[in-house]
Amino acid sequence: MAKDRSFSAKTSKSAQEGQRVCQQCGEAYTNVKVVQSVKKENSDHWRFKEKIVAMCKCNEQEYYK
C-alpha cells in the first residue's frame, strides 16, 4: 500500500530543502512579487512593472513603502 501524504507535507518538505538564509539577520529569504505602477511620459496610460525579489527582515522596509 502506498504511503498517504497530504499537500501540506509535500510543500513543507520542498520549502525546507532549498532555503537561503540572510547573513545579516539570519532569517530565511521569502520570494515576493513586487508590482510598481508607472505612468508613460508621452501618454496618459499606466504600465505595471513586475519583479520577484528575495526579502528578509533586513530589506523588507525597502519594498514596503
N, C-alpha and C. Protein backbone atom coordinates (compact mmCIF):
# COMPACT_ATOMS: atom_id res chain seq x y z
N MET A 1 0.82 -1.18 0.00
CA MET A 1 0.00 0.00 0.00
C MET A 1 0.87 1.25 0.00
N ALA A 2 0.44 2.25 -0.69
CA ALA A 2 1.21 3.48 -0.81
C ALA A 2 1.06 4.33 0.46
N LYS A 3 2.08 5.09 0.72
CA LYS A 3 2.06 5.98 1.88
C LYS A 3 1.21 7.20 1.57
N ASP A 4 0.32 7.57 2.46
CA ASP A 4 -0.58 8.70 2.26
C ASP A 4 0.13 9.99 2.67
N ARG A 5 0.26 10.93 1.74
CA ARG A 5 0.91 12.21 2.02
C ARG A 5 -0.04 13.35 1.68
N SER A 6 -0.15 14.29 2.57
CA SER A 6 -1.01 15.43 2.31
C SER A 6 -0.25 16.50 1.52
N PHE A 7 -0.98 17.44 0.97
CA PHE A 7 -0.36 18.52 0.20
C PHE A 7 0.54 19.37 1.08
N SER A 8 0.12 19.65 2.31
CA SER A 8 0.93 20.48 3.20
C SER A 8 2.25 19.80 3.56
N ALA A 9 2.26 18.49 3.68
CA ALA A 9 3.50 17.78 3.97
C ALA A 9 4.47 17.88 2.79
N LYS A 10 3.94 17.80 1.58
CA LYS A 10 4.78 17.90 0.39
C LYS A 10 5.40 19.30 0.27
N THR A 11 4.59 20.34 0.48
CA THR A 11 5.10 21.70 0.32
C THR A 11 6.06 22.08 1.43
N SER A 12 5.84 21.61 2.63
CA SER A 12 6.76 21.96 3.72
C SER A 12 8.12 21.30 3.51
N LYS A 13 8.12 20.10 2.98
CA LYS A 13 9.38 19.42 2.70
C LYS A 13 10.16 20.14 1.60
N SER A 14 9.49 20.54 0.54
CA SER A 14 10.18 21.22 -0.56
C SER A 14 10.64 22.61 -0.14
N ALA A 15 9.92 23.25 0.76
CA ALA A 15 10.32 24.57 1.23
C ALA A 15 11.56 24.50 2.11
N GLN A 16 11.72 23.44 2.85
CA GLN A 16 12.86 23.30 3.75
C GLN A 16 14.13 22.92 3.01
N GLU A 17 14.02 22.29 1.86
CA GLU A 17 15.19 21.81 1.15
C GLU A 17 16.05 22.94 0.59
N GLY A 18 15.45 23.96 0.01
CA GLY A 18 16.21 24.97 -0.69
C GLY A 18 16.18 26.34 -0.04
N GLN A 19 16.19 26.43 1.27
CA GLN A 19 16.11 27.73 1.93
C GLN A 19 17.47 28.43 1.91
N ARG A 20 17.44 29.70 1.55
CA ARG A 20 18.62 30.53 1.67
C ARG A 20 18.44 31.40 2.89
N VAL A 21 19.52 31.68 3.58
CA VAL A 21 19.46 32.44 4.84
C VAL A 21 20.26 33.72 4.68
N CYS A 22 19.71 34.82 5.19
CA CYS A 22 20.38 36.12 5.16
C CYS A 22 21.57 36.09 6.11
N GLN A 23 22.68 36.66 5.69
CA GLN A 23 23.87 36.66 6.52
C GLN A 23 23.81 37.72 7.61
N GLN A 24 23.03 38.78 7.39
CA GLN A 24 22.95 39.85 8.38
C GLN A 24 22.02 39.51 9.53
N CYS A 25 20.78 39.10 9.22
CA CYS A 25 19.79 38.88 10.28
C CYS A 25 19.56 37.41 10.61
N GLY A 26 19.96 36.50 9.73
CA GLY A 26 19.78 35.08 9.99
C GLY A 26 18.42 34.54 9.62
N GLU A 27 17.54 35.36 9.07
CA GLU A 27 16.20 34.92 8.66
C GLU A 27 16.25 34.30 7.27
N ALA A 28 15.31 33.43 6.98
CA ALA A 28 15.20 32.82 5.66
C ALA A 28 14.60 33.83 4.68
N TYR A 29 15.06 33.79 3.45
CA TYR A 29 14.51 34.66 2.42
C TYR A 29 13.13 34.17 1.99
N THR A 30 12.27 35.10 1.67
CA THR A 30 10.95 34.81 1.13
C THR A 30 10.85 35.48 -0.23
N ASN A 31 10.42 34.74 -1.24
CA ASN A 31 10.24 35.32 -2.57
C ASN A 31 8.92 36.05 -2.62
N VAL A 32 8.98 37.33 -3.04
CA VAL A 32 7.81 38.20 -3.08
C VAL A 32 7.75 38.87 -4.44
N LYS A 33 6.56 38.99 -5.01
CA LYS A 33 6.37 39.70 -6.28
C LYS A 33 6.08 41.16 -5.97
N VAL A 34 6.90 42.06 -6.53
CA VAL A 34 6.73 43.49 -6.34
C VAL A 34 6.18 44.07 -7.64
N VAL A 35 5.07 44.81 -7.53
CA VAL A 35 4.42 45.42 -8.69
C VAL A 35 4.44 46.93 -8.51
N GLN A 36 4.99 47.64 -9.50
CA GLN A 36 5.05 49.10 -9.48
C GLN A 36 4.22 49.63 -10.64
N SER A 37 3.45 50.67 -10.40
CA SER A 37 2.70 51.31 -11.47
C SER A 37 3.48 52.54 -11.94
N VAL A 38 3.68 52.63 -13.24
CA VAL A 38 4.46 53.70 -13.85
C VAL A 38 3.63 54.34 -14.94
N LYS A 39 3.54 55.66 -14.92
CA LYS A 39 2.79 56.37 -15.95
C LYS A 39 3.71 56.70 -17.12
N LYS A 40 3.26 56.43 -18.33
CA LYS A 40 4.05 56.73 -19.52
C LYS A 40 4.17 58.25 -19.69
N GLU A 41 5.32 58.69 -20.17
CA GLU A 41 5.58 60.12 -20.31
C GLU A 41 4.79 60.75 -21.44
N ASN A 42 4.68 60.06 -22.56
CA ASN A 42 4.07 60.67 -23.73
C ASN A 42 2.55 60.46 -23.83
N SER A 43 1.96 59.70 -22.92
CA SER A 43 0.51 59.50 -22.95
C SER A 43 0.00 59.36 -21.51
N ASP A 44 -1.29 59.20 -21.39
CA ASP A 44 -1.89 59.09 -20.06
C ASP A 44 -2.08 57.63 -19.63
N HIS A 45 -1.36 56.73 -20.25
CA HIS A 45 -1.52 55.31 -19.94
C HIS A 45 -0.61 54.90 -18.78
N TRP A 46 -1.09 53.91 -18.03
CA TRP A 46 -0.31 53.36 -16.92
C TRP A 46 0.25 52.01 -17.33
N ARG A 47 1.43 51.72 -16.81
CA ARG A 47 2.10 50.46 -17.10
C ARG A 47 2.52 49.84 -15.77
N PHE A 48 2.54 48.54 -15.69
CA PHE A 48 2.90 47.86 -14.46
C PHE A 48 4.21 47.11 -14.64
N LYS A 49 5.15 47.34 -13.75
CA LYS A 49 6.41 46.61 -13.75
C LYS A 49 6.34 45.57 -12.65
N GLU A 50 6.62 44.34 -12.99
CA GLU A 50 6.58 43.25 -12.02
C GLU A 50 7.97 42.63 -11.92
N LYS A 51 8.39 42.34 -10.69
CA LYS A 51 9.63 41.60 -10.50
C LYS A 51 9.52 40.80 -9.20
N ILE A 52 10.26 39.72 -9.14
CA ILE A 52 10.27 38.87 -7.96
C ILE A 52 11.58 39.10 -7.23
N VAL A 53 11.49 39.42 -5.93
CA VAL A 53 12.66 39.70 -5.13
C VAL A 53 12.69 38.79 -3.91
N ALA A 54 13.90 38.54 -3.41
CA ALA A 54 14.08 37.77 -2.18
C ALA A 54 14.08 38.75 -1.02
N MET A 55 13.17 38.56 -0.07
CA MET A 55 13.01 39.50 1.02
C MET A 55 13.24 38.81 2.37
N CYS A 56 13.89 39.53 3.28
CA CYS A 56 14.06 39.07 4.66
C CYS A 56 13.75 40.24 5.58
N LYS A 57 14.00 40.11 6.86
CA LYS A 57 13.70 41.17 7.81
C LYS A 57 14.55 42.43 7.56
N CYS A 58 15.76 42.25 7.05
CA CYS A 58 16.66 43.41 6.82
C CYS A 58 16.13 44.34 5.74
N ASN A 59 15.70 43.80 4.62
CA ASN A 59 15.35 44.64 3.48
C ASN A 59 13.86 44.77 3.23
N GLU A 60 12.99 44.37 4.16
CA GLU A 60 11.57 44.45 3.88
C GLU A 60 11.06 45.89 3.87
N GLN A 61 11.72 46.81 4.56
CA GLN A 61 11.30 48.22 4.55
C GLN A 61 11.60 48.88 3.21
N GLU A 62 12.54 48.35 2.44
CA GLU A 62 12.81 48.87 1.10
C GLU A 62 11.59 48.72 0.19
N TYR A 63 10.89 47.62 0.32
CA TYR A 63 9.80 47.29 -0.60
C TYR A 63 8.44 47.69 -0.04
N TYR A 64 8.28 47.85 1.25
CA TYR A 64 7.01 48.27 1.87
C TYR A 64 7.03 49.76 2.10
N LYS A 65 6.91 50.53 1.05
CA LYS A 65 6.91 51.98 1.17
C LYS A 65 5.51 52.50 1.21
